[in-house]
Amino acid sequence: MTKIGKIVQNLGYNKNKCTELLSQIRRYKLQKHPYNLSYVSDNDTPLIWWNTCYDTKNYLQNFAIRIFSIVSNSANCERIFSTLGWMFGK
């Protein structure tokens, strides 16, 4: 199984959904419809672009939107350093 297959399986996709998602990824890589829409960098964002890519089964669209919705932060690391500073001193 591919890495992407393992990731989406952990997200609850069954075998049929994984197979369809991999097919959609291939069409995206080959820029086949609907993944051949133009991207205007001045007006579009990746989230806007993916929200307009309609496929019969929108597994890739949902996956991409989920990935782009992840917010990175360093709060956990800062919390650990703060605790270590409290325990061992600065």
Foldseek 3Di string as FASTA:
>chain_A
DDPVLVVVVVVVDDPVLSVVLVVVVVCLVVCHPPNVDDDDVVPDDPLRVLVPRDDPDSSNSVVSNVVVPDDDDCVVVVVVVVVVCVVPND
